[in-house]
Amino acid sequence: MATIIIVYLLTDNFGIATAAGLVEVVTKLIIYYLHERAWIHVPWGIKKNAR
């Protein structure tokens, strides 16, 4: 929402602001997914035999 407001204030164009907000949400979802997939492969703090 903040992105939409900022872009709208800078451009005075609601269409561009909405598009920028949508691009931000989709980009953040993709980056979050890739970030979590990468952390699966990091062995820090994982005990091999946790019994």
N, C-alpha and C. Protein backbone atom coordinates (compact mmCIF):
# COMPACT_ATOMS: atom_id res chain seq x y z
N MET A 1 0.82 -1.20 0.00
CA MET A 1 0.00 0.00 0.00
C MET A 1 0.86 1.26 0.00
N ALA A 2 1.95 1.21 0.76
CA ALA A 2 2.83 2.38 0.83
C ALA A 2 3.42 2.69 -0.54
N THR A 3 3.77 1.64 -1.28
CA THR A 3 4.34 1.84 -2.62
C THR A 3 3.34 2.54 -3.52
N ILE A 4 2.11 2.12 -3.46
CA ILE A 4 1.07 2.73 -4.30
C ILE A 4 0.93 4.21 -3.96
N ILE A 5 0.90 4.52 -2.67
CA ILE A 5 0.75 5.91 -2.25
C ILE A 5 1.94 6.76 -2.70
N ILE A 6 3.14 6.24 -2.48
CA ILE A 6 4.35 6.99 -2.86
C ILE A 6 4.40 7.23 -4.36
N VAL A 7 4.14 6.18 -5.15
CA VAL A 7 4.19 6.33 -6.61
C VAL A 7 3.08 7.26 -7.08
N TYR A 8 1.91 7.18 -6.46
CA TYR A 8 0.84 8.09 -6.84
C TYR A 8 1.22 9.55 -6.56
N LEU A 9 1.82 9.79 -5.39
CA LEU A 9 2.22 11.15 -5.05
C LEU A 9 3.30 11.67 -6.00
N LEU A 10 4.17 10.78 -6.46
CA LEU A 10 5.23 11.21 -7.38
C LEU A 10 4.75 11.39 -8.81
N THR A 11 3.80 10.56 -9.24
CA THR A 11 3.37 10.59 -10.65
C THR A 11 2.00 11.20 -10.88
N ASP A 12 1.17 11.24 -9.84
CA ASP A 12 -0.22 11.70 -9.96
C ASP A 12 -0.99 10.85 -10.97
N ASN A 13 -0.62 9.56 -11.04
CA ASN A 13 -1.26 8.64 -11.98
C ASN A 13 -1.59 7.35 -11.21
N PHE A 14 -2.88 7.12 -11.00
CA PHE A 14 -3.29 5.95 -10.21
C PHE A 14 -2.99 4.64 -10.93
N GLY A 15 -3.05 4.62 -12.23
CA GLY A 15 -2.76 3.41 -13.00
C GLY A 15 -1.31 2.96 -12.83
N ILE A 16 -0.40 3.90 -12.95
CA ILE A 16 1.02 3.59 -12.77
C ILE A 16 1.28 3.19 -11.32
N ALA A 17 0.66 3.87 -10.37
CA ALA A 17 0.84 3.55 -8.96
C ALA A 17 0.37 2.14 -8.64
N THR A 18 -0.78 1.77 -9.18
CA THR A 18 -1.31 0.43 -8.96
C THR A 18 -0.42 -0.63 -9.59
N ALA A 19 0.06 -0.37 -10.79
CA ALA A 19 0.95 -1.30 -11.46
C ALA A 19 2.25 -1.48 -10.67
N ALA A 20 2.79 -0.39 -10.17
CA ALA A 20 4.02 -0.47 -9.37
C ALA A 20 3.77 -1.26 -8.09
N GLY A 21 2.64 -1.06 -7.45
CA GLY A 21 2.29 -1.82 -6.25
C GLY A 21 2.16 -3.30 -6.53
N LEU A 22 1.54 -3.63 -7.66
CA LEU A 22 1.38 -5.04 -8.04
C LEU A 22 2.73 -5.67 -8.35
N VAL A 23 3.57 -4.96 -9.06
CA VAL A 23 4.92 -5.47 -9.36
C VAL A 23 5.69 -5.71 -8.07
N GLU A 24 5.56 -4.80 -7.11
CA GLU A 24 6.26 -4.95 -5.84
C GLU A 24 5.80 -6.21 -5.10
N VAL A 25 4.51 -6.44 -5.02
CA VAL A 25 3.98 -7.59 -4.30
C VAL A 25 4.45 -8.89 -4.94
N VAL A 26 4.34 -8.99 -6.25
CA VAL A 26 4.75 -10.20 -6.95
C VAL A 26 6.25 -10.43 -6.80
N THR A 27 7.03 -9.37 -6.94
CA THR A 27 8.48 -9.48 -6.80
C THR A 27 8.87 -9.94 -5.40
N LYS A 28 8.24 -9.38 -4.38
CA LYS A 28 8.54 -9.77 -3.01
C LYS A 28 8.17 -11.22 -2.74
N LEU A 29 7.07 -11.69 -3.31
CA LEU A 29 6.68 -13.09 -3.14
C LEU A 29 7.72 -14.02 -3.76
N ILE A 30 8.19 -13.69 -4.94
CA ILE A 30 9.19 -14.52 -5.62
C ILE A 30 10.50 -14.52 -4.84
N ILE A 31 10.93 -13.34 -4.41
CA ILE A 31 12.18 -13.24 -3.65
C ILE A 31 12.06 -13.99 -2.33
N TYR A 32 10.94 -13.89 -1.65
CA TYR A 32 10.73 -14.61 -0.39
C TYR A 32 10.81 -16.11 -0.62
N TYR A 33 10.15 -16.60 -1.66
CA TYR A 33 10.17 -18.04 -1.97
C TYR A 33 11.60 -18.50 -2.24
N LEU A 34 12.34 -17.77 -3.06
CA LEU A 34 13.72 -18.15 -3.37
C LEU A 34 14.61 -18.08 -2.13
N HIS A 35 14.39 -17.11 -1.28
CA HIS A 35 15.14 -16.96 -0.04
C HIS A 35 14.92 -18.17 0.86
N GLU A 36 13.68 -18.58 1.03
CA GLU A 36 13.37 -19.73 1.87
C GLU A 36 13.95 -21.01 1.29
N ARG A 37 13.88 -21.15 -0.02
CA ARG A 37 14.46 -22.34 -0.67
C ARG A 37 15.97 -22.39 -0.47
N ALA A 38 16.64 -21.27 -0.49
CA ALA A 38 18.08 -21.22 -0.28
C ALA A 38 18.43 -21.58 1.16
N TRP A 39 17.65 -21.10 2.13
CA TRP A 39 17.95 -21.37 3.54
C TRP A 39 17.78 -22.84 3.90
N ILE A 40 16.99 -23.58 3.14
CA ILE A 40 16.84 -25.02 3.39
C ILE A 40 18.20 -25.72 3.29
N HIS A 41 19.07 -25.21 2.46
CA HIS A 41 20.36 -25.85 2.20
C HIS A 41 21.47 -25.39 3.15
N VAL A 42 21.15 -24.52 4.09
CA VAL A 42 22.15 -24.03 5.04
C VAL A 42 22.09 -24.91 6.29
N PRO A 43 23.19 -25.59 6.64
CA PRO A 43 23.16 -26.54 7.75
C PRO A 43 23.37 -25.93 9.14
N TRP A 44 23.47 -24.63 9.27
CA TRP A 44 23.74 -24.00 10.56
C TRP A 44 22.65 -24.33 11.57
N GLY A 45 23.06 -24.81 12.74
CA GLY A 45 22.13 -25.07 13.83
C GLY A 45 21.34 -26.35 13.71
N ILE A 46 21.60 -27.15 12.71
CA ILE A 46 20.89 -28.42 12.54
C ILE A 46 21.74 -29.54 13.10
N LYS A 47 21.17 -30.29 14.06
CA LYS A 47 21.87 -31.42 14.65
C LYS A 47 21.59 -32.66 13.83
N LYS A 48 22.63 -33.46 13.57
CA LYS A 48 22.45 -34.65 12.73
C LYS A 48 21.61 -35.72 13.44
N ASN A 49 21.88 -35.98 14.69
CA ASN A 49 21.13 -36.98 15.45
C ASN A 49 20.44 -36.29 16.62
N ALA A 50 19.30 -35.74 16.37
CA ALA A 50 18.59 -34.97 17.38
C ALA A 50 17.66 -35.87 18.20
N ARG A 51 18.24 -36.83 18.95
CA ARG A 51 17.44 -37.73 19.79
C ARG A 51 17.80 -37.59 21.21
